[in-house]
Protein backbone atom coordinates (compact mmCIF):
# COMPACT_ATOMS: atom_id res chain seq x y z
CA MET A 1 -0.25 0.03 0.03
CA VAL A 2 1.69 3.42 -0.97
CA LEU A 3 0.98 5.74 1.41
CA TYR A 4 0.28 9.42 1.02
CA MET A 5 -1.60 12.44 2.09
CA PRO A 6 -4.39 13.18 0.05
CA TYR A 7 -5.16 16.78 0.89
CA SER A 8 -8.03 18.61 -0.26
CA ASN A 9 -6.97 21.64 0.99
CA CYS A 10 -4.73 23.40 4.01
CA SER A 11 -4.96 25.86 6.48
CA TYR A 12 -3.01 28.26 8.33
CA LEU A 13 -2.34 29.52 11.44
CA TYR A 14 -0.26 32.34 13.13
CA LEU A 15 0.27 31.81 16.63
CA SER A 16 1.59 35.33 17.37
CA ASP A 17 4.37 36.62 20.41
CA LEU A 18 2.13 39.32 21.53
CA GLN A 19 -0.92 36.73 22.88
CA ALA A 20 1.03 33.74 24.48
CA THR A 21 2.35 33.23 27.77
CA LYS A 22 6.02 32.44 28.65
CA THR A 23 7.22 31.06 31.43
CA ALA A 24 10.80 28.64 31.65
CA GLY A 25 10.24 26.38 28.81
CA VAL A 26 6.85 26.94 28.04
CA VAL A 27 4.98 29.05 25.95
CA THR A 28 0.97 28.76 25.93
CA TRP A 29 -1.78 30.09 23.41
CA ASN A 30 -4.88 30.19 24.51
CA ASN A 31 -8.40 31.62 23.00
CA ILE A 32 -7.36 30.19 19.99
CA PRO A 33 -9.87 31.21 17.05
CA LEU A 34 -12.07 28.29 15.60
CA LEU A 35 -10.41 27.29 12.50
CA SER A 36 -13.48 25.37 10.49
CA GLN A 37 -17.46 24.83 11.81
CA SER A 38 -17.36 21.37 12.88
CA THR A 39 -13.71 19.26 13.64
CA ARG A 40 -12.46 18.30 10.74
CA GLU A 41 -9.21 15.37 10.28
CA CYS A 42 -6.16 16.42 8.91
CA TYR A 43 -1.81 17.08 9.73
CA VAL A 44 -0.50 19.97 10.99
CA THR A 45 2.49 20.17 11.00
CA VAL A 46 4.92 23.36 12.44
CA ALA A 47 5.89 25.05 9.13
CA LYS A 48 8.14 28.45 10.84
CA ILE A 49 8.54 28.86 14.41
CA ASN A 50 10.81 31.70 15.63
CA VAL A 51 12.28 31.57 19.16
CA VAL A 52 14.47 34.54 20.82
CA PHE A 53 16.11 34.49 24.06
CA GLY A 54 17.91 37.29 25.95
CA SER A 55 20.88 35.37 27.02
CA SER A 56 22.58 32.11 25.06
CA GLN A 57 21.11 28.83 25.57
CA SER A 58 23.46 26.17 26.51
CA HIS A 59 23.06 24.12 23.44
CA THR A 60 22.56 25.14 19.80
CA ASP A 61 19.56 23.47 18.99
CA ILE A 62 16.03 23.19 21.31
CA VAL A 63 13.67 20.54 21.09
CA VAL A 64 10.34 21.94 20.89
CA LYS A 65 6.84 19.64 21.47
CA GLY A 66 3.26 20.76 21.60
CA SER A 67 0.39 20.50 23.37
CA LEU A 68 -1.84 18.39 20.12
CA PRO A 69 -4.18 15.45 20.16
CA THR A 70 -2.65 12.42 17.78
CA MET A 71 -3.43 9.84 16.16
CA ASN A 72 0.12 8.99 14.28
CA TYR A 73 2.46 9.54 16.87
CA THR A 74 4.23 7.67 19.99
CA ALA A 75 6.60 7.97 22.21
CA THR A 76 8.48 5.70 25.19
CA ASP A 77 8.40 8.82 27.59
CA ASN A 78 4.46 9.09 26.65
CA SER A 79 5.60 13.02 26.00
CA GLU A 80 3.63 15.39 23.83
CA PRO A 81 4.53 14.66 20.37
CA LEU A 82 7.79 16.58 19.25
CA VAL A 83 6.29 18.98 17.18
CA ALA A 84 9.69 21.10 15.45
CA VAL A 85 13.98 20.35 16.71
CA LEU A 86 15.96 24.39 16.03
CA HIS A 87 18.93 25.39 15.50
CA SER A 88 20.67 28.71 16.34
CA SER A 89 24.29 29.58 15.44
CA ASP A 90 24.18 32.00 18.33
CA GLY A 91 22.63 30.56 21.21
CA LYS A 92 19.66 33.08 21.47
CA VAL A 93 17.87 33.62 18.03
CA PHE A 94 16.49 29.65 17.68
CA ASP A 95 14.16 28.48 13.86
CA LEU A 96 13.77 25.73 11.43
CA ASN A 97 17.48 25.15 9.75
CA ILE A 98 15.38 22.53 6.89
CA GLU A 99 11.58 21.92 6.22
CA ASN A 100 10.09 20.02 9.28
CA PRO A 101 9.51 16.97 8.20
CA ILE A 102 6.99 15.77 10.62
CA HIS A 103 3.38 16.21 9.97
CA LEU A 104 0.88 14.97 12.99
CA LEU A 105 -2.43 13.67 12.02
CA SER A 106 -4.36 14.99 14.57
CA ASN A 107 -7.66 17.42 13.86
CA ASP A 108 -8.15 21.37 13.45
CA ASN A 109 -10.28 21.78 17.17
CA ILE A 110 -7.39 23.81 18.36
CA LYS A 111 -8.42 25.92 21.55
CA SER A 112 -5.27 26.59 22.71
CA PHE A 113 -1.99 24.54 21.61
CA LYS A 114 1.18 24.69 24.44
CA LEU A 115 5.07 24.14 23.60
CA THR A 116 7.04 22.91 25.72
CA LEU A 117 10.52 24.09 25.04
CA THR A 118 14.10 21.93 25.83
CA GLU A 119 17.54 21.91 25.21
CA THR A 120 18.63 18.14 23.86
CA ASP A 121 19.76 17.19 27.01
CA GLY A 122 15.75 17.38 27.59
CA VAL A 123 16.57 20.73 30.62
CA ALA A 124 13.87 23.80 30.48
CA THR A 125 15.00 26.17 27.85
CA ASP A 126 15.13 30.19 30.17
CA THR A 127 11.75 32.11 29.54
CA PRO A 128 11.92 32.93 25.91
CA ASP A 129 11.91 37.00 25.12
CA SER A 130 9.53 35.88 21.79
CA CYS A 131 7.99 32.86 20.18
CA ASN A 132 6.04 32.79 16.81
CA VAL A 133 4.79 30.42 15.04
CA LEU A 134 2.96 29.47 11.91
CA LEU A 135 1.14 26.10 11.70
CA LYS A 136 0.22 24.43 8.56
CA ILE A 137 -3.33 22.91 8.69
CA ASP A 138 -3.14 20.48 5.72
CA TYR A 139 -7.16 19.11 5.35
CA ILE A 140 -7.43 15.34 4.88
CA ASP A 141 -9.70 14.36 1.90
CA GLN A 142 -11.99 11.75 3.41
CA VAL A 143 -13.77 11.08 0.56
CA ALA A 144 -10.60 9.85 -1.99
CA HIS A 145 -9.32 8.61 1.16
CA THR A 146 -12.23 6.20 1.30
CA ASN A 147 -12.14 5.19 -2.46
CA ASP A 148 -8.51 4.79 -2.52
CA ILE A 149 -8.91 2.16 1.01
CA LEU A 150 -11.73 0.29 -0.86
CA LEU A 151 -9.81 -0.46 -4.51
CA GLU A 152 -6.83 -2.09 -2.25
CA ILE A 153 -9.18 -4.33 -0.10
CA PRO A 154 -9.44 -6.27 -3.65
CA ARG A 155 -5.85 -6.13 -3.75
CA GLN A 156 -5.11 -7.19 -0.67
CA LEU A 157 -7.33 -10.03 -1.10
CA LYS A 158 -6.07 -11.98 -3.68
């Protein structure tokens, strides 16, 4: 069976630093506006993220985990799903240095969103001065996906 992500359309959700609540190692956005009138299955990807600290962190990479319910992610420590790994050349400004390959199967019922920022050794980062995130939400075309599955069943029965 060929695995792919059948998209019908996508949306973007910008999480601005101005509405974020920040503490050491945690950035939270509450009261996020509804993306659709009904909950729809989708793939959520961090398309762009920028985290700035006032002082240098001890590592050049930070691990970012997000508070999303997912259907295609598990972790041995039962933690929140990994949404990105950020890199910095100066220890203060962290962002994606490659296109983010992590596509989490979830839904668009995102009322609040919490990011947990840790250094690669698991220690929480300092409180960031700013954090801006752009989420790409790729909706799944359920009709096309169901048709693909129905076409595949007879081939597997042979």
